[in-house]
Amino acid sequence: MTIKFVVVKPFGGFKRGDVITDAAAIAKILAEGQGQSVVRVMAGD
Protein backbone atom coordinates (compact mmCIF):
# COMPACT_ATOMS: atom_id res chain seq x y z
CA MET A 1 0.00 0.00 0.00
CA THR A 2 1.12 3.51 -0.80
CA ILE A 3 0.44 6.53 1.37
CA LYS A 4 -0.68 9.66 -0.45
CA PHE A 5 -1.60 13.06 0.88
CA VAL A 6 -4.49 15.06 -0.57
CA VAL A 7 -4.41 18.79 0.12
CA VAL A 8 -7.57 20.10 1.82
CA LYS A 9 -6.21 23.55 2.76
CA PRO A 10 -3.83 25.37 0.37
CA PHE A 11 -0.25 25.94 1.55
CA GLY A 12 3.26 26.37 0.15
CA GLY A 13 2.32 26.31 -3.52
CA PHE A 14 -0.08 23.39 -3.19
CA LYS A 15 -3.75 23.94 -3.95
CA ARG A 16 -6.81 22.11 -2.68
CA GLY A 17 -7.14 18.72 -4.36
CA ASP A 18 -3.44 18.27 -5.15
CA VAL A 19 -2.20 14.72 -4.53
CA ILE A 20 1.25 14.37 -2.99
CA THR A 21 2.97 11.00 -3.40
CA ASP A 22 6.66 11.82 -3.05
CA ALA A 23 8.00 10.39 0.23
CA ALA A 24 10.44 13.29 0.73
CA ALA A 25 7.67 15.85 0.20
CA ILE A 26 5.42 14.00 2.66
CA ALA A 27 8.20 13.96 5.28
CA LYS A 28 8.82 17.68 4.75
CA ILE A 29 5.11 18.48 5.14
CA LEU A 30 4.99 16.61 8.43
CA ALA A 31 8.25 18.14 9.68
CA GLU A 32 7.04 21.65 8.92
CA GLY A 33 3.76 21.17 10.78
CA GLN A 34 1.51 21.28 7.71
CA GLY A 35 -0.19 17.98 8.56
CA GLN A 36 -3.45 19.79 9.28
CA SER A 37 -3.59 20.90 5.65
CA VAL A 38 -3.70 17.39 4.19
CA VAL A 39 -5.52 14.10 4.60
CA ARG A 40 -3.74 10.76 4.39
CA VAL A 41 -5.03 8.29 1.83
CA MET A 42 -3.99 4.65 1.55
CA ALA A 43 -3.87 3.47 -2.05
CA GLY A 44 -3.28 0.00 -3.42
CA ASP A 45 -0.38 -0.32 -5.82
PDB file of N, CA and C in Angstrom:
ATOM      1  N   MET A   1       0.842  -1.188   0.000  1.00  0.00           N
ATOM      2  CA  MET A   1       0.000   0.000   0.000  1.00  0.00           C
ATOM      3  C   MET A   1       0.884   1.246   0.000  1.00  0.00           C
ATOM      4  N   THR A   2       0.418   2.234  -0.700  1.00  0.00           N
ATOM      5  CA  THR A   2       1.118   3.510  -0.801  1.00  0.00           C
ATOM      6  C   THR A   2       0.341   4.573  -0.047  1.00  0.00           C
ATOM      7  N   ILE A   3       1.072   5.404   0.682  1.00  0.00           N
ATOM      8  CA  ILE A   3       0.438   6.526   1.372  1.00  0.00           C
ATOM      9  C   ILE A   3       0.519   7.743   0.468  1.00  0.00           C
ATOM     10  N   LYS A   4      -0.604   8.415   0.312  1.00  0.00           N
ATOM     11  CA  LYS A   4      -0.677   9.660  -0.445  1.00  0.00           C
ATOM     12  C   LYS A   4      -1.307  10.709   0.439  1.00  0.00           C
ATOM     13  N   PHE A   5      -0.953  11.943   0.205  1.00  0.00           N
ATOM     14  CA  PHE A   5      -1.603  13.060   0.878  1.00  0.00           C
ATOM     15  C   PHE A   5      -2.448  13.796  -0.149  1.00  0.00           C
ATOM     16  N   VAL A   6      -3.643  14.208   0.262  1.00  0.00           N
ATOM     17  CA  VAL A   6      -4.486  15.058  -0.572  1.00  0.00           C
ATOM     18  C   VAL A   6      -4.654  16.374   0.182  1.00  0.00           C
ATOM     19  N   VAL A   7      -4.370  17.454  -0.497  1.00  0.00           N
ATOM     20  CA  VAL A   7      -4.415  18.786   0.119  1.00  0.00           C
ATOM     21  C   VAL A   7      -5.870  19.215   0.298  1.00  0.00           C
ATOM     22  N   VAL A   8      -6.220  19.600   1.531  1.00  0.00           N
ATOM     23  CA  VAL A   8      -7.568  20.102   1.817  1.00  0.00           C
ATOM     24  C   VAL A   8      -7.554  21.599   2.139  1.00  0.00           C
ATOM     25  N   LYS A   9      -6.375  22.122   2.456  1.00  0.00           N
ATOM     26  CA  LYS A   9      -6.213  23.548   2.757  1.00  0.00           C
ATOM     27  C   LYS A   9      -4.928  24.015   2.081  1.00  0.00           C
ATOM     28  N   PRO A  10      -5.008  24.946   1.125  1.00  0.00           N
ATOM     29  CA  PRO A  10      -3.829  25.372   0.371  1.00  0.00           C
ATOM     30  C   PRO A  10      -2.686  25.845   1.271  1.00  0.00           C
ATOM     31  N   PHE A  11      -1.459  25.498   0.851  1.00  0.00           N
ATOM     32  CA  PHE A  11      -0.253  25.940   1.549  1.00  0.00           C
ATOM     33  C   PHE A  11       0.952  25.749   0.631  1.00  0.00           C
ATOM     34  N   GLY A  12       1.974  26.542   0.810  1.00  0.00           N
ATOM     35  CA  GLY A  12       3.261  26.375   0.153  1.00  0.00           C
ATOM     36  C   GLY A  12       3.246  26.018  -1.325  1.00  0.00           C
ATOM     37  N   GLY A  13       2.368  26.594  -2.090  1.00  0.00           N
ATOM     38  CA  GLY A  13       2.320  26.306  -3.515  1.00  0.00           C
ATOM     39  C   GLY A  13       1.398  25.171  -3.904  1.00  0.00           C
ATOM     40  N   PHE A  14       0.893  24.445  -2.920  1.00  0.00           N
ATOM     41  CA  PHE A  14      -0.079  23.389  -3.186  1.00  0.00           C
ATOM     42  C   PHE A  14      -1.480  23.979  -3.130  1.00  0.00           C
ATOM     43  N   LYS A  15      -2.358  23.473  -3.989  1.00  0.00           N
ATOM     44  CA  LYS A  15      -3.746  23.941  -3.954  1.00  0.00           C
ATOM     45  C   LYS A  15      -4.653  22.789  -3.551  1.00  0.00           C
ATOM     46  N   ARG A  16      -5.845  23.125  -3.121  1.00  0.00           N
ATOM     47  CA  ARG A  16      -6.805  22.114  -2.681  1.00  0.00           C
ATOM     48  C   ARG A  16      -7.009  21.074  -3.786  1.00  0.00           C
ATOM     49  N   GLY A  17      -6.944  19.809  -3.409  1.00  0.00           N
ATOM     50  CA  GLY A  17      -7.137  18.724  -4.357  1.00  0.00           C
ATOM     51  C   GLY A  17      -5.846  18.136  -4.893  1.00  0.00           C
ATOM     52  N   ASP A  18      -4.721  18.819  -4.694  1.00  0.00           N
ATOM     53  CA  ASP A  18      -3.438  18.265  -5.145  1.00  0.00           C
ATOM     54  C   ASP A  18      -3.159  16.962  -4.404  1.00  0.00           C
ATOM     55  N   VAL A  19      -2.581  16.006  -5.117  1.00  0.00           N
ATOM     56  CA  VAL A  19      -2.197  14.719  -4.530  1.00  0.00           C
ATOM     57  C   VAL A  19      -0.681  14.690  -4.436  1.00  0.00           C
ATOM     58  N   ILE A  20      -0.187  14.395  -3.242  1.00  0.00           N
ATOM     59  CA  ILE A  20       1.254  14.370  -2.995  1.00  0.00           C
ATOM     60  C   ILE A  20       1.654  12.924  -2.717  1.00  0.00           C
ATOM     61  N   THR A  21       2.559  12.389  -3.538  1.00  0.00           N
ATOM     62  CA  THR A  21       2.972  10.997  -3.401  1.00  0.00           C
ATOM     63  C   THR A  21       4.454  10.843  -3.076  1.00  0.00           C
ATOM     64  N   ASP A  22       5.228  11.873  -3.273  1.00  0.00           N
ATOM     65  CA  ASP A  22       6.661  11.822  -3.046  1.00  0.00           C
ATOM     66  C   ASP A  22       6.969  11.694  -1.556  1.00  0.00           C
ATOM     67  N   ALA A  23       7.704  10.656  -1.182  1.00  0.00           N
ATOM     68  CA  ALA A  23       7.997  10.394   0.232  1.00  0.00           C
ATOM     69  C   ALA A  23       8.749  11.548   0.888  1.00  0.00           C
ATOM     70  N   ALA A  24       9.687  12.161   0.168  1.00  0.00           N
ATOM     71  CA  ALA A  24      10.441  13.289   0.728  1.00  0.00           C
ATOM     72  C   ALA A  24       9.530  14.490   0.965  1.00  0.00           C
ATOM     73  N   ALA A  25       8.611  14.740   0.041  1.00  0.00           N
ATOM     74  CA  ALA A  25       7.666  15.853   0.200  1.00  0.00           C
ATOM     75  C   ALA A  25       6.736  15.595   1.377  1.00  0.00           C
ATOM     76  N   ILE A  26       6.293  14.351   1.536  1.00  0.00           N
ATOM     77  CA  ILE A  26       5.424  14.000   2.663  1.00  0.00           C
ATOM     78  C   ILE A  26       6.164  14.215   3.986  1.00  0.00           C
ATOM     79  N   ALA A  27       7.407  13.767   4.060  1.00  0.00           N
ATOM     80  CA  ALA A  27       8.202  13.955   5.281  1.00  0.00           C
ATOM     81  C   ALA A  27       8.389  15.434   5.592  1.00  0.00           C
ATOM     82  N   LYS A  28       8.633  16.238   4.559  1.00  0.00           N
ATOM     83  CA  LYS A  28       8.822  17.682   4.754  1.00  0.00           C
ATOM     84  C   LYS A  28       7.540  18.338   5.264  1.00  0.00           C
ATOM     85  N   ILE A  29       6.405  17.937   4.708  1.00  0.00           N
ATOM     86  CA  ILE A  29       5.113  18.480   5.140  1.00  0.00           C
ATOM     87  C   ILE A  29       4.889  18.197   6.616  1.00  0.00           C
ATOM     88  N   LEU A  30       5.167  16.974   7.027  1.00  0.00           N
ATOM     89  CA  LEU A  30       4.985  16.605   8.432  1.00  0.00           C
ATOM     90  C   LEU A  30       5.980  17.340   9.331  1.00  0.00           C
ATOM     91  N   ALA A  31       7.221  17.464   8.886  1.00  0.00           N
ATOM     92  CA  ALA A  31       8.252  18.136   9.680  1.00  0.00           C
ATOM     93  C   ALA A  31       7.961  19.620   9.857  1.00  0.00           C
ATOM     94  N   GLU A  32       7.336  20.221   8.855  1.00  0.00           N
ATOM     95  CA  GLU A  32       7.043  21.652   8.916  1.00  0.00           C
ATOM     96  C   GLU A  32       5.703  21.956   9.576  1.00  0.00           C
ATOM     97  N   GLY A  33       5.010  20.943  10.072  1.00  0.00           N
ATOM     98  CA  GLY A  33       3.758  21.169  10.779  1.00  0.00           C
ATOM     99  C   GLY A  33       2.571  21.468   9.885  1.00  0.00           C
ATOM    100  N   GLN A  34       2.622  21.035   8.636  1.00  0.00           N
ATOM    101  CA  GLN A  34       1.513  21.284   7.714  1.00  0.00           C
ATOM    102  C   GLN A  34       0.541  20.105   7.644  1.00  0.00           C
ATOM    103  N   GLY A  35       0.668  19.164   8.556  1.00  0.00           N
ATOM    104  CA  GLY A  35      -0.190  17.978   8.557  1.00  0.00           C
ATOM    105  C   GLY A  35      -1.674  18.281   8.627  1.00  0.00           C
ATOM    106  N   GLN A  36      -2.039  19.428   9.182  1.00  0.00           N
ATOM    107  CA  GLN A  36      -3.449  19.793   9.277  1.00  0.00           C
ATOM    108  C   GLN A  36      -4.015  20.245   7.939  1.00  0.00           C
ATOM    109  N   SER A  37      -3.160  20.426   6.960  1.00  0.00           N
ATOM    110  CA  SER A  37      -3.594  20.905   5.647  1.00  0.00           C
ATOM    111  C   SER A  37      -3.824  19.781   4.638  1.00  0.00           C
ATOM    112  N   VAL A  38      -3.571  18.538   5.072  1.00  0.00           N
ATOM    113  CA  VAL A  38      -3.701  17.392   4.188  1.00  0.00           C
ATOM    114  C   VAL A  38      -4.459  16.263   4.884  1.00  0.00           C
ATOM    115  N   VAL A  39      -4.966  15.337   4.063  1.00  0.00           N
ATOM    116  CA  VAL A  39      -5.515  14.099   4.595  1.00  0.00           C
ATOM    117  C   VAL A  39      -4.696  12.964   4.014  1.00  0.00           C
ATOM    118  N   ARG A  40      -4.512  11.922   4.814  1.00  0.00           N
ATOM    119  CA  ARG A  40      -3.736  10.760   4.389  1.00  0.00           C
ATOM    120  C   ARG A  40      -4.665   9.758   3.736  1.00  0.00           C
ATOM    121  N   VAL A  41      -4.244   9.258   2.582  1.00  0.00           N
ATOM    122  CA  VAL A  41      -5.026   8.289   1.829  1.00  0.00           C
ATOM    123  C   VAL A  41      -4.162   7.078   1.567  1.00  0.00           C
ATOM    124  N   MET A  42      -4.692   5.895   1.854  1.00  0.00           N
ATOM    125  CA  MET A  42      -3.991   4.653   1.550  1.00  0.00           C
ATOM    126  C   MET A  42      -4.464   4.171   0.194  1.00  0.00           C
ATOM    127  N   ALA A  43      -3.523   3.899  -0.704  1.00  0.00           N
ATOM    128  CA  ALA A  43      -3.865   3.470  -2.045  1.00  0.00           C
ATOM    129  C   ALA A  43      -3.158   2.165  -2.374  1.00  0.00           C
ATOM    130  N   GLY A  44      -3.880   1.240  -2.969  1.00  0.00           N
ATOM    131  CA  GLY A  44      -3.278  -0.002  -3.417  1.00  0.00           C
ATOM    132  C   GLY A  44      -2.368   0.249  -4.603  1.00  0.00           C
ATOM    133  N   ASP A  45      -1.321  -0.517  -4.713  1.00  0.00           N
ATOM    134  CA  ASP A  45      -0.376  -0.322  -5.824  1.00  0.00           C
ATOM    135  C   ASP A  45      -0.828  -0.998  -7.080  1.00  0.00           C
TER     136      ASP A  45
END
